[in-house]
Amino acid sequence: MPPRSCLCGLPAAYQDCCGKLHRGEAAATTAEQLMRSRFTAFGVGDAAYLLRTWHPASRPARLDLDKRVRWVRLEILETTGGSVVHTEGTVRFRAHFIDRGKPGEMEENSRFVRINGRWGYTGAL
């Protein structure tokens, strides 16, 4: 069952926020919005969305999510480019998780490019 409030950190209900992107009812308009929706997809276990939003050149053939990891909070630390007028952008973030009862965090600077008008994740810098 999806969370009531969105895991991406914005003050909205999941159904009205990242849920719309996950269901294919909307597309991310910025690299940051795609990053937030991808974090939330990890949180709700939506591997299909993660694969759909991965750049074809770096997309894995399959993605197995670890059900023992619970993604709980996202911090956006910095963005470059990635707006509605850009074709490339980066989002540096810190993701907080709980793995087998132990809290942890990971930090990444992700690169995004626009493919046929849609943002796609290319990987970490």
PDB file of N, CA and C in Angstrom:
ATOM      1  N   MET A   1       0.842  -1.185   0.000  1.00  0.00           N
ATOM      2  CA  MET A   1       0.000   0.000   0.000  1.00  0.00           C
ATOM      3  C   MET A   1       0.887   1.248   0.000  1.00  0.00           C
ATOM      4  N   PRO A   2       0.630   2.207  -0.922  1.00  0.00           N
ATOM      5  CA  PRO A   2       1.451   3.414  -0.985  1.00  0.00           C
ATOM      6  C   PRO A   2       1.281   4.273   0.263  1.00  0.00           C
ATOM      7  N   PRO A   3       2.302   5.059   0.565  1.00  0.00           N
ATOM      8  CA  PRO A   3       2.211   5.936   1.735  1.00  0.00           C
ATOM      9  C   PRO A   3       1.191   7.036   1.502  1.00  0.00           C
ATOM     10  N   ARG A   4       0.647   7.559   2.589  1.00  0.00           N
ATOM     11  CA  ARG A   4      -0.306   8.670   2.497  1.00  0.00           C
ATOM     12  C   ARG A   4       0.388   9.946   2.051  1.00  0.00           C
ATOM     13  N   SER A   5       1.428  10.356   2.783  1.00  0.00           N
ATOM     14  CA  SER A   5       2.178  11.537   2.370  1.00  0.00           C
ATOM     15  C   SER A   5       3.340  11.073   1.499  1.00  0.00           C
ATOM     16  N   CYS A   6       3.747  11.933   0.588  1.00  0.00           N
ATOM     17  CA  CYS A   6       4.765  11.537  -0.371  1.00  0.00           C
ATOM     18  C   CYS A   6       6.132  11.464   0.291  1.00  0.00           C
ATOM     19  N   LEU A   7       6.879  10.432  -0.043  1.00  0.00           N
ATOM     20  CA  LEU A   7       8.213  10.232   0.511  1.00  0.00           C
ATOM     21  C   LEU A   7       9.235  11.223  -0.043  1.00  0.00           C
ATOM     22  N   CYS A   8       8.897  11.906  -1.130  1.00  0.00           N
ATOM     23  CA  CYS A   8       9.869  12.772  -1.795  1.00  0.00           C
ATOM     24  C   CYS A   8      10.235  14.006  -0.989  1.00  0.00           C
ATOM     25  N   GLY A   9       9.466  14.302   0.053  1.00  0.00           N
ATOM     26  CA  GLY A   9       9.783  15.457   0.889  1.00  0.00           C
ATOM     27  C   GLY A   9       8.943  16.686   0.623  1.00  0.00           C
ATOM     28  N   LEU A  10       8.160  16.676  -0.438  1.00  0.00           N
ATOM     29  CA  LEU A  10       7.277  17.808  -0.714  1.00  0.00           C
ATOM     30  C   LEU A  10       5.986  17.639   0.089  1.00  0.00           C
ATOM     31  N   PRO A  11       5.359  18.750   0.454  1.00  0.00           N
ATOM     32  CA  PRO A  11       4.148  18.667   1.290  1.00  0.00           C
ATOM     33  C   PRO A  11       2.890  18.319   0.485  1.00  0.00           C
ATOM     34  N   ALA A  12       2.828  17.082   0.051  1.00  0.00           N
ATOM     35  CA  ALA A  12       1.677  16.648  -0.741  1.00  0.00           C
ATOM     36  C   ALA A  12       1.418  15.176  -0.465  1.00  0.00           C
ATOM     37  N   ALA A  13       0.215  14.754  -0.765  1.00  0.00           N
ATOM     38  CA  ALA A  13      -0.134  13.341  -0.661  1.00  0.00           C
ATOM     39  C   ALA A  13       0.542  12.580  -1.798  1.00  0.00           C
ATOM     40  N   TYR A  14       0.950  11.355  -1.533  1.00  0.00           N
ATOM     41  CA  TYR A  14       1.600  10.527  -2.552  1.00  0.00           C
ATOM     42  C   TYR A  14       0.779  10.466  -3.832  1.00  0.00           C
ATOM     43  N   GLN A  15      -0.517  10.212  -3.716  1.00  0.00           N
ATOM     44  CA  GLN A  15      -1.379  10.071  -4.896  1.00  0.00           C
ATOM     45  C   GLN A  15      -1.359  11.308  -5.791  1.00  0.00           C
ATOM     46  N   ASP A  16      -1.214  12.500  -5.180  1.00  0.00           N
ATOM     47  CA  ASP A  16      -1.234  13.755  -5.931  1.00  0.00           C
ATOM     48  C   ASP A  16       0.156  14.238  -6.326  1.00  0.00           C
ATOM     49  N   CYS A  17       1.178  13.583  -5.824  1.00  0.00           N
ATOM     50  CA  CYS A  17       2.558  14.023  -6.050  1.00  0.00           C
ATOM     51  C   CYS A  17       3.254  13.000  -6.954  1.00  0.00           C
ATOM     52  N   CYS A  18       4.156  12.224  -6.411  1.00  0.00           N
ATOM     53  CA  CYS A  18       4.897  11.244  -7.198  1.00  0.00           C
ATOM     54  C   CYS A  18       4.018  10.120  -7.723  1.00  0.00           C
ATOM     55  N   GLY A  19       2.908   9.856  -7.063  1.00  0.00           N
ATOM     56  CA  GLY A  19       1.992   8.823  -7.537  1.00  0.00           C
ATOM     57  C   GLY A  19       1.522   9.072  -8.955  1.00  0.00           C
ATOM     58  N   LYS A  20       1.296  10.349  -9.318  1.00  0.00           N
ATOM     59  CA  LYS A  20       0.858  10.680 -10.683  1.00  0.00           C
ATOM     60  C   LYS A  20       1.928  10.292 -11.699  1.00  0.00           C
ATOM     61  N   LEU A  21       3.184  10.500 -11.343  1.00  0.00           N
ATOM     62  CA  LEU A  21       4.276  10.138 -12.240  1.00  0.00           C
ATOM     63  C   LEU A  21       4.409   8.623 -12.327  1.00  0.00           C
ATOM     64  N   HIS A  22       4.317   7.956 -11.195  1.00  0.00           N
ATOM     65  CA  HIS A  22       4.431   6.492 -11.177  1.00  0.00           C
ATOM     66  C   HIS A  22       3.321   5.830 -11.996  1.00  0.00           C
ATOM     67  N   ARG A  23       2.140   6.402 -11.949  1.00  0.00           N
ATOM     68  CA  ARG A  23       1.001   5.842 -12.696  1.00  0.00           C
ATOM     69  C   ARG A  23       1.024   6.238 -14.174  1.00  0.00           C
ATOM     70  N   GLY A  24       1.944   7.123 -14.571  1.00  0.00           N
ATOM     71  CA  GLY A  24       2.028   7.562 -15.964  1.00  0.00           C
ATOM     72  C   GLY A  24       1.047   8.656 -16.326  1.00  0.00           C
ATOM     73  N   GLU A  25       0.425   9.282 -15.325  1.00  0.00           N
ATOM     74  CA  GLU A  25      -0.539  10.350 -15.579  1.00  0.00           C
ATOM     75  C   GLU A  25       0.141  11.693 -15.807  1.00  0.00           C
ATOM     76  N   ALA A  26       1.418  11.794 -15.459  1.00  0.00           N
ATOM     77  CA  ALA A  26       2.199  13.020 -15.637  1.00  0.00           C
ATOM     78  C   ALA A  26       3.652  12.619 -15.816  1.00  0.00           C
ATOM     79  N   ALA A  27       4.444  13.558 -16.332  1.00  0.00           N
ATOM     80  CA  ALA A  27       5.888  13.337 -16.487  1.00  0.00           C
ATOM     81  C   ALA A  27       6.620  14.416 -15.706  1.00  0.00           C
ATOM     82  N   ALA A  28       7.796  14.085 -15.220  1.00  0.00           N
ATOM     83  CA  ALA A  28       8.610  15.051 -14.474  1.00  0.00           C
ATOM     84  C   ALA A  28       8.986  16.213 -15.383  1.00  0.00           C
ATOM     85  N   THR A  29       8.815  17.424 -14.890  1.00  0.00           N
ATOM     86  CA  THR A  29       9.156  18.606 -15.687  1.00  0.00           C
ATOM     87  C   THR A  29      10.564  19.107 -15.418  1.00  0.00           C
ATOM     88  N   THR A  30      11.183  18.633 -14.327  1.00  0.00           N
ATOM     89  CA  THR A  30      12.557  19.026 -13.998  1.00  0.00           C
ATOM     90  C   THR A  30      13.341  17.780 -13.568  1.00  0.00           C
ATOM     91  N   ALA A  31      14.656  17.918 -13.606  1.00  0.00           N
ATOM     92  CA  ALA A  31      15.506  16.818 -13.139  1.00  0.00           C
ATOM     93  C   ALA A  31      15.264  16.552 -11.654  1.00  0.00           C
ATOM     94  N   GLU A  32      15.080  17.616 -10.875  1.00  0.00           N
ATOM     95  CA  GLU A  32      14.819  17.421  -9.444  1.00  0.00           C
ATOM     96  C   GLU A  32      13.511  16.666  -9.209  1.00  0.00           C
ATOM     97  N   GLN A  33      12.489  16.995  -9.965  1.00  0.00           N
ATOM     98  CA  GLN A  33      11.224  16.284  -9.792  1.00  0.00           C
ATOM     99  C   GLN A  33      11.396  14.806 -10.142  1.00  0.00           C
ATOM    100  N   LEU A  34      12.183  14.516 -11.183  1.00  0.00           N
ATOM    101  CA  LEU A  34      12.418  13.113 -11.517  1.00  0.00           C
ATOM    102  C   LEU A  34      13.200  12.431 -10.396  1.00  0.00           C
ATOM    103  N   MET A  35      14.200  13.129  -9.836  1.00  0.00           N
ATOM    104  CA  MET A  35      14.968  12.547  -8.727  1.00  0.00           C
ATOM    105  C   MET A  35      14.057  12.226  -7.558  1.00  0.00           C
ATOM    106  N   ARG A  36      13.188  13.168  -7.201  1.00  0.00           N
ATOM    107  CA  ARG A  36      12.262  12.949  -6.089  1.00  0.00           C
ATOM    108  C   ARG A  36      11.339  11.762  -6.375  1.00  0.00           C
ATOM    109  N   SER A  37      10.847  11.669  -7.590  1.00  0.00           N
ATOM    110  CA  SER A  37       9.932  10.572  -7.927  1.00  0.00           C
ATOM    111  C   SER A  37      10.657   9.235  -7.956  1.00  0.00           C
ATOM    112  N   ARG A  38      11.921   9.232  -8.341  1.00  0.00           N
ATOM    113  CA  ARG A  38      12.690   7.985  -8.336  1.00  0.00           C
ATOM    114  C   ARG A  38      12.966   7.532  -6.898  1.00  0.00           C
ATOM    115  N   PHE A  39      13.295   8.477  -6.010  1.00  0.00           N
ATOM    116  CA  PHE A  39      13.485   8.114  -4.597  1.00  0.00           C
ATOM    117  C   PHE A  39      12.205   7.481  -4.056  1.00  0.00           C
ATOM    118  N   THR A  40      11.084   8.119  -4.350  1.00  0.00           N
ATOM    119  CA  THR A  40       9.800   7.604  -3.877  1.00  0.00           C
ATOM    120  C   THR A  40       9.517   6.230  -4.477  1.00  0.00           C
ATOM    121  N   ALA A  41       9.905   6.025  -5.733  1.00  0.00           N
ATOM    122  CA  ALA A  41       9.720   4.711  -6.362  1.00  0.00           C
ATOM    123  C   ALA A  41      10.516   3.637  -5.621  1.00  0.00           C
ATOM    124  N   PHE A  42      11.720   3.972  -5.175  1.00  0.00           N
ATOM    125  CA  PHE A  42      12.465   3.025  -4.344  1.00  0.00           C
ATOM    126  C   PHE A  42      11.675   2.747  -3.074  1.00  0.00           C
ATOM    127  N   GLY A  43      11.112   3.795  -2.490  1.00  0.00           N
ATOM    128  CA  GLY A  43      10.372   3.658  -1.238  1.00  0.00           C
ATOM    129  C   GLY A  43       9.119   2.808  -1.347  1.00  0.00           C
ATOM    130  N   VAL A  44       8.434   2.884  -2.487  1.00  0.00           N
ATOM    131  CA  VAL A  44       7.192   2.110  -2.650  1.00  0.00           C
ATOM    132  C   VAL A  44       7.420   0.812  -3.431  1.00  0.00           C
ATOM    133  N   GLY A  45       8.672   0.571  -3.827  1.00  0.00           N
ATOM    134  CA  GLY A  45       8.996  -0.676  -4.525  1.00  0.00           C
ATOM    135  C   GLY A  45       8.572  -0.723  -5.971  1.00  0.00           C
ATOM    136  N   ASP A  46       8.577   0.417  -6.662  1.00  0.00           N
ATOM    137  CA  ASP A  46       8.141   0.484  -8.060  1.00  0.00           C
ATOM    138  C   ASP A  46       9.346   0.376  -9.001  1.00  0.00           C
ATOM    139  N   ALA A  47       9.850  -0.838  -9.166  1.00  0.00           N
ATOM    140  CA  ALA A  47      11.016  -1.068 -10.028  1.00  0.00           C
ATOM    141  C   ALA A  47      10.708  -0.737 -11.489  1.00  0.00           C
ATOM    142  N   ALA A  48       9.482  -0.951 -11.929  1.00  0.00           N
ATOM    143  CA  ALA A  48       9.113  -0.666 -13.321  1.00  0.00           C
ATOM    144  C   ALA A  48       9.289   0.821 -13.627  1.00  0.00           C
ATOM    145  N   TYR A  49       8.882   1.689 -12.705  1.00  0.00           N
ATOM    146  CA  TYR A  49       9.056   3.130 -12.911  1.00  0.00           C
ATOM    147  C   TYR A  49      10.537   3.482 -12.951  1.00  0.00           C
ATOM    148  N   LEU A  50      11.313   2.906 -12.061  1.00  0.00           N
ATOM    149  CA  LEU A  50      12.748   3.180 -12.043  1.00  0.00           C
ATOM    150  C   LEU A  50      13.375   2.806 -13.382  1.00  0.00           C
ATOM    151  N   LEU A  51      13.021   1.664 -13.917  1.00  0.00           N
ATOM    152  CA  LEU A  51      13.563   1.253 -15.212  1.00  0.00           C
ATOM    153  C   LEU A  51      13.075   2.161 -16.344  1.00  0.00           C
ATOM    154  N   ARG A  52      11.809   2.561 -16.306  1.00  0.00           N
ATOM    155  CA  ARG A  52      11.266   3.447 -17.352  1.00  0.00           C
ATOM    156  C   ARG A  52      11.963   4.798 -17.373  1.00  0.00           C
ATOM    157  N   THR A  53      12.424   5.267 -16.220  1.00  0.00           N
ATOM    158  CA  THR A  53      13.015   6.608 -16.138  1.00  0.00           C
ATOM    159  C   THR A  53      14.542   6.576 -16.174  1.00  0.00           C
ATOM    160  N   TRP A  54      15.123   5.433 -16.473  1.00  0.00           N
ATOM    161  CA  TRP A  54      16.559   5.273 -16.613  1.00  0.00           C
ATOM    162  C   TRP A  54      16.923   5.511 -18.075  1.00  0.00           C
ATOM    163  N   HIS A  55      18.004   6.227 -18.338  1.00  0.00           N
ATOM    164  CA  HIS A  55      18.460   6.456 -19.714  1.00  0.00           C
ATOM    165  C   HIS A  55      18.756   5.099 -20.363  1.00  0.00           C
ATOM    166  N   PRO A  56      18.315   4.896 -21.602  1.00  0.00           N
ATOM    167  CA  PRO A  56      18.518   3.591 -22.257  1.00  0.00           C
ATOM    168  C   PRO A  56      19.987   3.159 -22.328  1.00  0.00           C
ATOM    169  N   ALA A  57      20.911   4.107 -22.423  1.00  0.00           N
ATOM    170  CA  ALA A  57      22.333   3.756 -22.536  1.00  0.00           C
ATOM    171  C   ALA A  57      22.908   3.172 -21.246  1.00  0.00           C
ATOM    172  N   SER A  58      22.292   3.462 -20.111  1.00  0.00           N
ATOM    173  CA  SER A  58      22.831   2.967 -18.837  1.00  0.00           C
ATOM    174  C   SER A  58      21.831   2.113 -18.051  1.00  0.00           C
ATOM    175  N   ARG A  59      20.662   1.879 -18.615  1.00  0.00           N
ATOM    176  CA  ARG A  59      19.607   1.123 -17.931  1.00  0.00           C
ATOM    177  C   ARG A  59      20.000  -0.348 -17.781  1.00  0.00           C
ATOM    178  N   PRO A  60      19.877  -0.874 -16.562  1.00  0.00           N
ATOM    179  CA  PRO A  60      20.131  -2.308 -16.397  1.00  0.00           C
ATOM    180  C   PRO A  60      18.989  -3.121 -17.020  1.00  0.00           C
ATOM    181  N   ALA A  61      19.267  -4.352 -17.324  1.00  0.00           N
ATOM    182  CA  ALA A  61      18.241  -5.224 -17.916  1.00  0.00           C
ATOM    183  C   ALA A  61      17.113  -5.493 -16.931  1.00  0.00           C
ATOM    184  N   ARG A  62      17.440  -5.549 -15.650  1.00  0.00           N
ATOM    185  CA  ARG A  62      16.429  -5.758 -14.616  1.00  0.00           C
ATOM    186  C   ARG A  62      16.904  -5.098 -13.337  1.00  0.00           C
ATOM    187  N   LEU A  63      15.981  -4.928 -12.428  1.00  0.00           N
ATOM    188  CA  LEU A  63      16.287  -4.269 -11.160  1.00  0.00           C
ATOM    189  C   LEU A  63      15.584  -5.027 -10.046  1.00  0.00           C
ATOM    190  N   ASP A  64      16.358  -5.553  -9.127  1.00  0.00           N
ATOM    191  CA  ASP A  64      15.811  -6.264  -7.975  1.00  0.00           C
ATOM    192  C   ASP A  64      15.977  -5.372  -6.752  1.00  0.00           C
ATOM    193  N   LEU A  65      14.883  -4.921  -6.194  1.00  0.00           N
ATOM    194  CA  LEU A  65      14.921  -4.055  -5.025  1.00  0.00           C
ATOM    195  C   LEU A  65      15.016  -4.890  -3.754  1.00  0.00           C
ATOM    196  N   ASP A  66      15.839  -4.448  -2.824  1.00  0.00           N
ATOM    197  CA  ASP A  66      16.015  -5.139  -1.552  1.00  0.00           C
ATOM    198  C   ASP A  66      14.867  -4.757  -0.626  1.00  0.00           C
ATOM    199  N   LYS A  67      13.999  -5.689  -0.334  1.00  0.00           N
ATOM    200  CA  LYS A  67      12.823  -5.415   0.497  1.00  0.00           C
ATOM    201  C   LYS A  67      13.175  -5.175   1.964  1.00  0.00           C
ATOM    202  N   ARG A  68      14.413  -5.487   2.344  1.00  0.00           N
ATOM    203  CA  ARG A  68      14.840  -5.243   3.728  1.00  0.00           C
ATOM    204  C   ARG A  68      15.229  -3.789   3.957  1.00  0.00           C
ATOM    205  N   VAL A  69      15.400  -3.032   2.871  1.00  0.00           N
ATOM    206  CA  VAL A  69      15.766  -1.619   2.975  1.00  0.00           C
ATOM    207  C   VAL A  69      14.507  -0.775   2.855  1.00  0.00           C
ATOM    208  N   ARG A  70      14.303   0.102   3.831  1.00  0.00           N
ATOM    209  CA  ARG A  70      13.151   1.012   3.811  1.00  0.00           C
ATOM    210  C   ARG A  70      13.679   2.437   3.649  1.00  0.00           C
ATOM    211  N   TRP A  71      13.331   3.070   2.537  1.00  0.00           N
ATOM    212  CA  TRP A  71      13.759   4.440   2.250  1.00  0.00           C
ATOM    213  C   TRP A  71      12.812   5.386   2.965  1.00  0.00           C
ATOM    214  N   VAL A  72      13.355   6.301   3.795  1.00  0.00           N
ATOM    215  CA  VAL A  72      12.496   7.077   4.680  1.00  0.00           C
ATOM    216  C   VAL A  72      12.543   8.592   4.485  1.00  0.00           C
ATOM    217  N   ARG A  73      13.643   9.123   3.950  1.00  0.00           N
ATOM    218  CA  ARG A  73      13.710  10.596   3.826  1.00  0.00           C
ATOM    219  C   ARG A  73      14.724  10.978   2.770  1.00  0.00           C
ATOM    220  N   LEU A  74      14.413  12.045   2.049  1.00  0.00           N
ATOM    221  CA  LEU A  74      15.275  12.555   0.991  1.00  0.00           C
ATOM    222  C   LEU A  74      15.631  14.003   1.281  1.00  0.00           C
ATOM    223  N   GLU A  75      16.894  14.340   1.123  1.00  0.00           N
ATOM    224  CA  GLU A  75      17.351  15.727   1.205  1.00  0.00           C
ATOM    225  C   GLU A  75      17.972  16.096  -0.142  1.00  0.00           C
ATOM    226  N   ILE A  76      17.486  17.153  -0.765  1.00  0.00           N
ATOM    227  CA  ILE A  76      18.114  17.674  -1.971  1.00  0.00           C
ATOM    228  C   ILE A  76      19.175  18.669  -1.505  1.00  0.00           C
ATOM    229  N   LEU A  77      20.423  18.427  -1.875  1.00  0.00           N
ATOM    230  CA  LEU A  77      21.534  19.259  -1.414  1.00  0.00           C
ATOM    231  C   LEU A  77      21.922  20.333  -2.415  1.00  0.00           C
ATOM    232  N   GLU A  78      21.790  20.017  -3.709  1.00  0.00           N
ATOM    233  CA  GLU A  78      22.192  20.980  -4.739  1.00  0.00           C
ATOM    234  C   GLU A  78      21.663  20.522  -6.090  1.00  0.00           C
ATOM    235  N   THR A  79      21.316  21.471  -6.938  1.00  0.00           N
ATOM    236  CA  THR A  79      20.939  21.154  -8.311  1.00  0.00           C
ATOM    237  C   THR A  79      21.691  22.077  -9.253  1.00  0.00           C
ATOM    238  N   THR A  80      21.996  21.569 -10.443  1.00  0.00           N
ATOM    239  CA  THR A  80      22.551  22.408 -11.507  1.00  0.00           C
ATOM    240  C   THR A  80      21.764  22.090 -12.768  1.00  0.00           C
ATOM    241  N   GLY A  81      21.379  23.124 -13.502  1.00  0.00           N
ATOM    242  CA  GLY A  81      20.579  22.910 -14.700  1.00  0.00           C
ATOM    243  C   GLY A  81      19.301  22.175 -14.338  1.00  0.00           C
ATOM    244  N   GLY A  82      18.836  21.357 -15.267  1.00  0.00           N
ATOM    245  CA  GLY A  82      17.702  20.489 -14.989  1.00  0.00           C
ATOM    246  C   GLY A  82      16.345  21.155 -14.921  1.00  0.00           C
ATOM    247  N   SER A  83      16.253  22.419 -15.349  1.00  0.00           N
ATOM    248  CA  SER A  83      14.953  23.094 -15.308  1.00  0.00           C
ATOM    249  C   SER A  83      14.162  22.777 -16.575  1.00  0.00           C
ATOM    250  N   VAL A  84      13.016  23.399 -16.713  1.00  0.00           N
ATOM    251  CA  VAL A  84      12.167  23.155 -17.884  1.00  0.00           C
ATOM    252  C   VAL A  84      12.827  23.625 -19.174  1.00  0.00           C
ATOM    253  N   VAL A  85      13.846  24.482 -19.106  1.00  0.00           N
ATOM    254  CA  VAL A  85      14.511  24.978 -20.313  1.00  0.00           C
ATOM    255  C   VAL A  85      15.840  24.281 -20.597  1.00  0.00           C
ATOM    256  N   HIS A  86      16.303  23.409 -19.701  1.00  0.00           N
ATOM    257  CA  HIS A  86      17.575  22.723 -19.879  1.00  0.00           C
ATOM    258  C   HIS A  86      17.391  21.343 -20.514  1.00  0.00           C
ATOM    259  N   THR A  87      18.488  20.829 -21.052  1.00  0.00           N
ATOM    260  CA  THR A  87      18.487  19.463 -21.584  1.00  0.00           C
ATOM    261  C   THR A  87      19.316  18.522 -20.712  1.00  0.00           C
ATOM    262  N   GLU A  88      20.066  19.088 -19.758  1.00  0.00           N
ATOM    263  CA  GLU A  88      20.859  18.293 -18.824  1.00  0.00           C
ATOM    264  C   GLU A  88      20.772  18.916 -17.445  1.00  0.00           C
ATOM    265  N   GLY A  89      21.039  18.117 -16.442  1.00  0.00           N
ATOM    266  CA  GLY A  89      21.061  18.635 -15.081  1.00  0.00           C
ATOM    267  C   GLY A  89      21.631  17.624 -14.114  1.00  0.00           C
ATOM    268  N   THR A  90      22.002  18.114 -12.943  1.00  0.00           N
ATOM    269  CA  THR A  90      22.469  17.228 -11.885  1.00  0.00           C
ATOM    270  C   THR A  90      21.691  17.532 -10.613  1.00  0.00           C
ATOM    271  N   VAL A  91      21.551  16.515  -9.786  1.00  0.00           N
ATOM    272  CA  VAL A  91      20.903  16.660  -8.491  1.00  0.00           C
ATOM    273  C   VAL A  91      21.768  15.916  -7.477  1.00  0.00           C
ATOM    274  N   ARG A  92      22.308  16.672  -6.531  1.00  0.00           N
ATOM    275  CA  ARG A  92      23.062  16.051  -5.440  1.00  0.00           C
ATOM    276  C   ARG A  92      22.094  15.890  -4.277  1.00  0.00           C
ATOM    277  N   PHE A  93      22.048  14.675  -3.725  1.00  0.00           N
ATOM    278  CA  PHE A  93      21.057  14.387  -2.689  1.00  0.00           C
ATOM    279  C   PHE A  93      21.644  13.479  -1.618  1.00  0.00           C
ATOM    280  N   ARG A  94      20.938  13.436  -0.512  1.00  0.00           N
ATOM    281  CA  ARG A  94      21.227  12.482   0.568  1.00  0.00           C
ATOM    282  C   ARG A  94      19.939  11.718   0.833  1.00  0.00           C
ATOM    283  N   ALA A  95      20.031  10.401   0.742  1.00  0.00           N
ATOM    284  CA  ALA A  95      18.873   9.542   0.967  1.00  0.00           C
ATOM    285  C   ALA A  95      19.063   8.789   2.277  1.00  0.00           C
ATOM    286  N   HIS A  96      18.052   8.830   3.118  1.00  0.00           N
ATOM    287  CA  HIS A  96      18.084   8.156   4.413  1.00  0.00           C
ATOM    288  C   HIS A  96      17.266   6.872   4.326  1.00  0.00           C
ATOM    289  N   PHE A  97      17.785   5.819   4.935  1.00  0.00           N
ATOM    290  CA  PHE A  97      17.120   4.526   4.875  1.00  0.00           C
ATOM    291  C   PHE A  97      17.302   3.782   6.193  1.00  0.00           C
ATOM    292  N   ILE A  98      16.541   2.716   6.312  1.00  0.00           N
ATOM    293  CA  ILE A  98      16.688   1.790   7.436  1.00  0.00           C
ATOM    294  C   ILE A  98      16.893   0.409   6.825  1.00  0.00           C
ATOM    295  N   ASP A  99      17.979  -0.224   7.196  1.00  0.00           N
ATOM    296  CA  ASP A  99      18.333  -1.539   6.669  1.00  0.00           C
ATOM    297  C   ASP A  99      18.445  -2.517   7.832  1.00  0.00           C
ATOM    298  N   ARG A 100      17.498  -3.449   7.894  1.00  0.00           N
ATOM    299  CA  ARG A 100      17.452  -4.448   8.971  1.00  0.00           C
ATOM    300  C   ARG A 100      17.472  -3.771  10.340  1.00  0.00           C
ATOM    301  N   GLY A 101      16.716  -2.700  10.466  1.00  0.00           N
ATOM    302  CA  GLY A 101      16.576  -1.999  11.733  1.00  0.00           C
ATOM    303  C   GLY A 101      17.648  -0.964  12.017  1.00  0.00           C
ATOM    304  N   LYS A 102      18.656  -0.860  11.174  1.00  0.00           N
ATOM    305  CA  LYS A 102      19.741   0.100  11.397  1.00  0.00           C
ATOM    306  C   LYS A 102      19.629   1.262  10.422  1.00  0.00           C
ATOM    307  N   PRO A 103      19.671   2.512  10.937  1.00  0.00           N
ATOM    308  CA  PRO A 103      19.594   3.665  10.048  1.00  0.00           C
ATOM    309  C   PRO A 103      20.887   3.835   9.250  1.00  0.00           C
ATOM    310  N   GLY A 104      20.728   4.380   8.059  1.00  0.00           N
ATOM    311  CA  GLY A 104      21.877   4.670   7.205  1.00  0.00           C
ATOM    312  C   GLY A 104      21.530   5.796   6.249  1.00  0.00           C
ATOM    313  N   GLU A 105      22.528   6.217   5.510  1.00  0.00           N
ATOM    314  CA  GLU A 105      22.299   7.246   4.487  1.00  0.00           C
ATOM    315  C   GLU A 105      23.290   7.043   3.356  1.00  0.00           C
ATOM    316  N   MET A 106      22.909   7.518   2.212  1.00  0.00           N
ATOM    317  CA  MET A 106      23.799   7.516   1.053  1.00  0.00           C
ATOM    318  C   MET A 106      23.703   8.874   0.378  1.00  0.00           C
ATOM    319  N   GLU A 107      24.803   9.301  -0.191  1.00  0.00           N
ATOM    320  CA  GLU A 107      24.825  10.581  -0.895  1.00  0.00           C
ATOM    321  C   GLU A 107      25.294  10.323  -2.317  1.00  0.00           C
ATOM    322  N   GLU A 108      24.659  11.016  -3.255  1.00  0.00           N
ATOM    323  CA  GLU A 108      25.006  10.823  -4.663  1.00  0.00           C
ATOM    324  C   GLU A 108      24.777  12.127  -5.417  1.00  0.00           C
ATOM    325  N   ASN A 109      25.564  12.332  -6.438  1.00  0.00           N
ATOM    326  CA  ASN A 109      25.332  13.420  -7.384  1.00  0.00           C
ATOM    327  C   ASN A 109      24.914  12.751  -8.684  1.00  0.00           C
ATOM    328  N   SER A 110      23.631  12.823  -9.003  1.00  0.00           N
ATOM    329  CA  SER A 110      23.066  12.127 -10.157  1.00  0.00           C
ATOM    330  C   SER A 110      22.987  13.045 -11.364  1.00  0.00           C
ATOM    331  N   ARG A 111      23.176  12.457 -12.526  1.00  0.00           N
ATOM    332  CA  ARG A 111      23.090  13.196 -13.789  1.00  0.00           C
ATOM    333  C   ARG A 111      21.814  12.779 -14.518  1.00  0.00           C
ATOM    334  N   PHE A 112      21.152  13.773 -15.089  1.00  0.00           N
ATOM    335  CA  PHE A 112      19.911  13.566 -15.829  1.00  0.00           C
ATOM    336  C   PHE A 112      20.008  14.250 -17.180  1.00  0.00           C
ATOM    337  N   VAL A 113      19.428  13.648 -18.200  1.00  0.00           N
ATOM    338  CA  VAL A 113      19.348  14.263 -19.529  1.00  0.00           C
ATOM    339  C   VAL A 113      17.922  14.108 -20.048  1.00  0.00           C
ATOM    340  N   ARG A 114      17.558  15.019 -20.919  1.00  0.00           N
ATOM    341  CA  ARG A 114      16.231  14.968 -21.528  1.00  0.00           C
ATOM    342  C   ARG A 114      16.309  14.085 -22.779  1.00  0.00           C
ATOM    343  N   ILE A 115      15.406  13.111 -22.861  1.00  0.00           N
ATOM    344  CA  ILE A 115      15.345  12.186 -23.989  1.00  0.00           C
ATOM    345  C   ILE A 115      13.949  12.302 -24.592  1.00  0.00           C
ATOM    346  N   ASN A 116      13.872  12.751 -25.836  1.00  0.00           N
ATOM    347  CA  ASN A 116      12.569  12.929 -26.485  1.00  0.00           C
ATOM    348  C   ASN A 116      11.604  13.724 -25.609  1.00  0.00           C
ATOM    349  N   GLY A 117      12.117  14.773 -24.979  1.00  0.00           N
ATOM    350  CA  GLY A 117      11.291  15.657 -24.163  1.00  0.00           C
ATOM    351  C   GLY A 117      11.083  15.202 -22.730  1.00  0.00           C
ATOM    352  N   ARG A 118      11.574  14.021 -22.360  1.00  0.00           N
ATOM    353  CA  ARG A 118      11.395  13.499 -20.991  1.00  0.00           C
ATOM    354  C   ARG A 118      12.745  13.361 -20.300  1.00  0.00           C
ATOM    355  N   TRP A 119      12.733  13.629 -19.000  1.00  0.00           N
ATOM    356  CA  TRP A 119      13.944  13.473 -18.225  1.00  0.00           C
ATOM    357  C   TRP A 119      14.259  12.010 -17.986  1.00  0.00           C
ATOM    358  N   GLY A 120      15.561  11.670 -18.042  1.00  0.00           N
ATOM    359  CA  GLY A 120      16.008  10.312 -17.760  1.00  0.00           C
ATOM    360  C   GLY A 120      17.248  10.340 -16.880  1.00  0.00           C
ATOM    361  N   TYR A 121      17.348   9.375 -16.007  1.00  0.00           N
ATOM    362  CA  TYR A 121      18.505   9.228 -15.112  1.00  0.00           C
ATOM    363  C   TYR A 121      19.617   8.512 -15.859  1.00  0.00           C
ATOM    364  N   THR A 122      20.833   9.097 -15.849  1.00  0.00           N
ATOM    365  CA  THR A 122      21.950   8.450 -16.545  1.00  0.00           C
ATOM    366  C   THR A 122      22.907   7.771 -15.593  1.00  0.00           C
ATOM    367  N   GLY A 123      22.933   8.193 -14.327  1.00  0.00           N
ATOM    368  CA  GLY A 123      23.827   7.567 -13.359  1.00  0.00           C
ATOM    369  C   GLY A 123      24.455   8.588 -12.443  1.00  0.00           C
ATOM    370  N   ALA A 124      25.330   8.088 -11.583  1.00  0.00           N
ATOM    371  CA  ALA A 124      26.030   8.946 -10.621  1.00  0.00           C
ATOM    372  C   ALA A 124      27.268   9.534 -11.265  1.00  0.00           C
ATOM    373  N   LEU A 125      27.597  10.737 -10.862  1.00  0.00           N
ATOM    374  CA  LEU A 125      28.824  11.378 -11.349  1.00  0.00           C
ATOM    375  C   LEU A 125      30.001  10.952 -10.494  1.00  0.00           C
TER     376      LEU A 125
END
